[in-house]
N, C-alpha and C. Protein backbone atom coordinates (compact mmCIF):
# COMPACT_ATOMS: atom_id res chain seq x y z
N LYS A 1 0.82 -1.18 0.00
CA LYS A 1 0.00 0.00 0.00
C LYS A 1 0.86 1.25 0.00
N ALA A 2 1.95 1.23 0.74
CA ALA A 2 2.80 2.41 0.85
C ALA A 2 3.40 2.77 -0.51
N PHE A 3 3.88 1.77 -1.25
CA PHE A 3 4.48 2.07 -2.55
C PHE A 3 3.43 2.59 -3.52
N PHE A 4 2.23 2.04 -3.48
CA PHE A 4 1.15 2.52 -4.34
C PHE A 4 0.82 3.98 -4.04
N LEU A 5 0.74 4.33 -2.75
CA LEU A 5 0.43 5.71 -2.38
C LEU A 5 1.54 6.67 -2.81
N LYS A 6 2.80 6.22 -2.75
CA LYS A 6 3.93 7.07 -3.16
C LYS A 6 4.02 7.15 -4.68
N PHE A 7 4.01 6.01 -5.36
CA PHE A 7 4.21 5.97 -6.80
C PHE A 7 2.93 6.24 -7.59
N GLY A 8 1.88 5.53 -7.25
CA GLY A 8 0.64 5.61 -8.02
C GLY A 8 -0.14 6.89 -7.81
N LEU A 9 -0.18 7.36 -6.57
CA LEU A 9 -1.01 8.53 -6.26
C LEU A 9 -0.20 9.75 -5.84
N ASP A 10 1.07 9.57 -5.55
CA ASP A 10 1.97 10.65 -5.12
C ASP A 10 1.36 11.46 -3.97
N CYS A 11 0.87 10.75 -2.96
CA CYS A 11 0.24 11.42 -1.81
C CYS A 11 0.86 10.99 -0.49
N LEU A 12 2.05 10.40 -0.53
CA LEU A 12 2.69 9.93 0.68
C LEU A 12 4.17 10.25 0.63
N GLU A 13 4.71 10.75 1.74
CA GLU A 13 6.14 10.96 1.87
C GLU A 13 6.67 9.94 2.87
N ILE A 14 7.75 9.28 2.51
CA ILE A 14 8.37 8.28 3.37
C ILE A 14 9.79 8.74 3.64
N PHE A 15 10.11 8.90 4.91
CA PHE A 15 11.42 9.40 5.29
C PHE A 15 12.30 8.28 5.82
N ASP A 16 13.59 8.39 5.50
CA ASP A 16 14.61 7.50 6.05
C ASP A 16 15.04 8.11 7.38
N GLU A 17 14.81 7.38 8.46
CA GLU A 17 15.11 7.93 9.79
C GLU A 17 16.60 8.16 10.01
N ASN A 18 17.45 7.42 9.31
CA ASN A 18 18.89 7.59 9.46
C ASN A 18 19.40 8.84 8.75
N GLU A 19 18.86 9.11 7.59
CA GLU A 19 19.32 10.24 6.78
C GLU A 19 18.40 11.44 6.85
N ALA A 20 17.24 11.30 7.46
CA ALA A 20 16.25 12.37 7.59
C ALA A 20 15.93 13.02 6.25
N LYS A 21 15.68 12.17 5.24
CA LYS A 21 15.30 12.69 3.92
C LYS A 21 14.17 11.86 3.36
N ASP A 22 13.42 12.47 2.46
CA ASP A 22 12.33 11.79 1.77
C ASP A 22 12.93 10.78 0.79
N LEU A 23 12.48 9.54 0.85
CA LEU A 23 13.00 8.51 -0.05
C LEU A 23 12.37 8.65 -1.43
N SER A 24 13.18 8.47 -2.45
CA SER A 24 12.68 8.51 -3.82
C SER A 24 11.99 7.19 -4.14
N ILE A 25 11.31 7.17 -5.26
CA ILE A 25 10.63 5.95 -5.69
C ILE A 25 11.63 4.84 -5.94
N LEU A 26 12.78 5.18 -6.52
CA LEU A 26 13.82 4.18 -6.77
C LEU A 26 14.36 3.62 -5.46
N ASP A 27 14.59 4.49 -4.46
CA ASP A 27 15.06 4.03 -3.15
C ASP A 27 14.05 3.06 -2.53
N LEU A 28 12.77 3.42 -2.59
CA LEU A 28 11.73 2.56 -2.03
C LEU A 28 11.67 1.22 -2.75
N TRP A 29 11.75 1.27 -4.09
CA TRP A 29 11.71 0.04 -4.89
C TRP A 29 12.84 -0.90 -4.45
N GLN A 30 14.03 -0.36 -4.28
CA GLN A 30 15.17 -1.17 -3.89
C GLN A 30 15.00 -1.75 -2.49
N LYS A 31 14.47 -0.95 -1.56
CA LYS A 31 14.26 -1.43 -0.20
C LYS A 31 13.20 -2.54 -0.16
N PHE A 32 12.08 -2.34 -0.86
CA PHE A 32 11.03 -3.35 -0.88
C PHE A 32 11.49 -4.62 -1.59
N PHE A 33 12.26 -4.46 -2.67
CA PHE A 33 12.77 -5.63 -3.40
C PHE A 33 13.75 -6.42 -2.53
N LYS A 34 14.55 -5.70 -1.73
CA LYS A 34 15.49 -6.37 -0.85
C LYS A 34 14.74 -7.20 0.22
N LEU A 35 13.60 -6.69 0.67
CA LEU A 35 12.81 -7.40 1.67
C LEU A 35 12.05 -8.59 1.09
N ASP A 36 11.60 -8.46 -0.18
CA ASP A 36 10.79 -9.51 -0.81
C ASP A 36 11.10 -9.55 -2.30
N LYS A 37 11.75 -10.61 -2.74
CA LYS A 37 12.16 -10.72 -4.15
C LYS A 37 10.95 -10.80 -5.10
N ASN A 38 9.78 -11.15 -4.59
CA ASN A 38 8.57 -11.20 -5.40
C ASN A 38 7.82 -9.87 -5.41
N PHE A 39 8.38 -8.84 -4.82
CA PHE A 39 7.71 -7.54 -4.73
C PHE A 39 7.26 -7.00 -6.09
N PRO A 40 8.08 -7.06 -7.15
CA PRO A 40 7.62 -6.52 -8.44
C PRO A 40 6.33 -7.18 -8.94
N PHE A 41 6.21 -8.48 -8.77
CA PHE A 41 5.01 -9.19 -9.22
C PHE A 41 3.80 -8.85 -8.35
N LYS A 42 4.02 -8.84 -7.03
CA LYS A 42 2.93 -8.50 -6.12
C LYS A 42 2.46 -7.07 -6.34
N TYR A 43 3.41 -6.15 -6.56
CA TYR A 43 3.01 -4.77 -6.76
C TYR A 43 2.25 -4.60 -8.08
N ALA A 44 2.67 -5.31 -9.12
CA ALA A 44 1.98 -5.21 -10.41
C ALA A 44 0.51 -5.63 -10.27
N VAL A 45 0.27 -6.72 -9.54
CA VAL A 45 -1.10 -7.18 -9.31
C VAL A 45 -1.88 -6.17 -8.48
N TYR A 46 -1.27 -5.70 -7.38
CA TYR A 46 -1.92 -4.74 -6.50
C TYR A 46 -2.26 -3.45 -7.26
N HIS A 47 -1.31 -2.95 -8.04
CA HIS A 47 -1.53 -1.71 -8.80
C HIS A 47 -2.66 -1.86 -9.81
N LYS A 48 -2.69 -2.98 -10.50
CA LYS A 48 -3.74 -3.24 -11.49
C LYS A 48 -5.11 -3.27 -10.83
N LEU A 49 -5.22 -3.98 -9.73
CA LEU A 49 -6.51 -4.09 -9.04
C LEU A 49 -6.96 -2.73 -8.50
N ARG A 50 -6.06 -2.00 -7.84
CA ARG A 50 -6.42 -0.68 -7.29
C ARG A 50 -6.78 0.30 -8.40
N SER A 51 -6.04 0.27 -9.49
CA SER A 51 -6.31 1.17 -10.61
C SER A 51 -7.64 0.85 -11.30
N SER A 52 -8.09 -0.39 -11.15
CA SER A 52 -9.37 -0.80 -11.72
C SER A 52 -10.55 -0.54 -10.79
N GLY A 53 -10.26 0.07 -9.61
CA GLY A 53 -11.33 0.43 -8.70
C GLY A 53 -11.65 -0.61 -7.64
N TRP A 54 -10.78 -1.58 -7.45
CA TRP A 54 -11.01 -2.62 -6.45
C TRP A 54 -10.33 -2.25 -5.14
N ILE A 55 -10.94 -2.63 -4.01
CA ILE A 55 -10.31 -2.51 -2.71
C ILE A 55 -9.65 -3.85 -2.42
N VAL A 56 -8.34 -3.84 -2.23
CA VAL A 56 -7.58 -5.07 -2.05
C VAL A 56 -7.38 -5.33 -0.56
N LYS A 57 -7.71 -6.52 -0.13
CA LYS A 57 -7.54 -6.93 1.27
C LYS A 57 -6.45 -7.99 1.34
N THR A 58 -5.81 -8.09 2.51
CA THR A 58 -4.76 -9.09 2.69
C THR A 58 -5.35 -10.50 2.78
N GLY A 59 -4.58 -11.45 2.32
CA GLY A 59 -5.02 -12.84 2.37
C GLY A 59 -4.11 -13.69 3.22
N LEU A 60 -3.30 -13.05 4.07
CA LEU A 60 -2.33 -13.79 4.88
C LEU A 60 -2.99 -14.82 5.78
N LYS A 61 -4.18 -14.51 6.25
CA LYS A 61 -4.92 -15.44 7.10
C LYS A 61 -5.19 -16.77 6.38
N TYR A 62 -5.30 -16.71 5.06
CA TYR A 62 -5.61 -17.88 4.24
C TYR A 62 -4.41 -18.39 3.45
N GLY A 63 -3.22 -17.82 3.71
CA GLY A 63 -2.02 -18.25 3.01
C GLY A 63 -1.85 -17.65 1.64
N ASN A 64 -2.52 -16.52 1.38
CA ASN A 64 -2.43 -15.84 0.09
C ASN A 64 -1.88 -14.43 0.30
N ASP A 65 -1.46 -13.81 -0.78
CA ASP A 65 -1.03 -12.42 -0.70
C ASP A 65 -2.25 -11.49 -0.64
N PHE A 66 -3.23 -11.77 -1.50
CA PHE A 66 -4.44 -10.95 -1.56
C PHE A 66 -5.64 -11.89 -1.51
N CYS A 67 -6.72 -11.42 -0.91
CA CYS A 67 -7.87 -12.31 -0.78
C CYS A 67 -9.17 -11.66 -1.20
N LYS A 68 -9.67 -10.75 -0.40
CA LYS A 68 -10.98 -10.17 -0.66
C LYS A 68 -10.87 -8.94 -1.53
N PHE A 69 -11.74 -8.85 -2.49
CA PHE A 69 -11.78 -7.69 -3.36
C PHE A 69 -13.20 -7.16 -3.40
N LYS A 70 -13.34 -5.88 -3.30
CA LYS A 70 -14.65 -5.24 -3.43
C LYS A 70 -14.52 -4.13 -4.46
N LYS A 71 -15.42 -4.10 -5.38
CA LYS A 71 -15.43 -3.04 -6.39
C LYS A 71 -15.96 -1.76 -5.75
N ILE A 72 -15.27 -0.68 -5.97
CA ILE A 72 -15.70 0.61 -5.43
C ILE A 72 -16.86 1.15 -6.25
């Protein structure tokens, strides 16, 4: 959600607490990719669904990345 708000909607600022600066989209991409190698695929799905007007819910409870979708 954080990357979508920063990249897709440009309505979120994320600061690096060590450097006290706003992270760029490239910095965020690298940090998220380092945490999860499947991040590009998950983000592509999330971005497509959100851009199509769907509300994306987590599916971790069921062993999935995404579970419930509601059309806005």
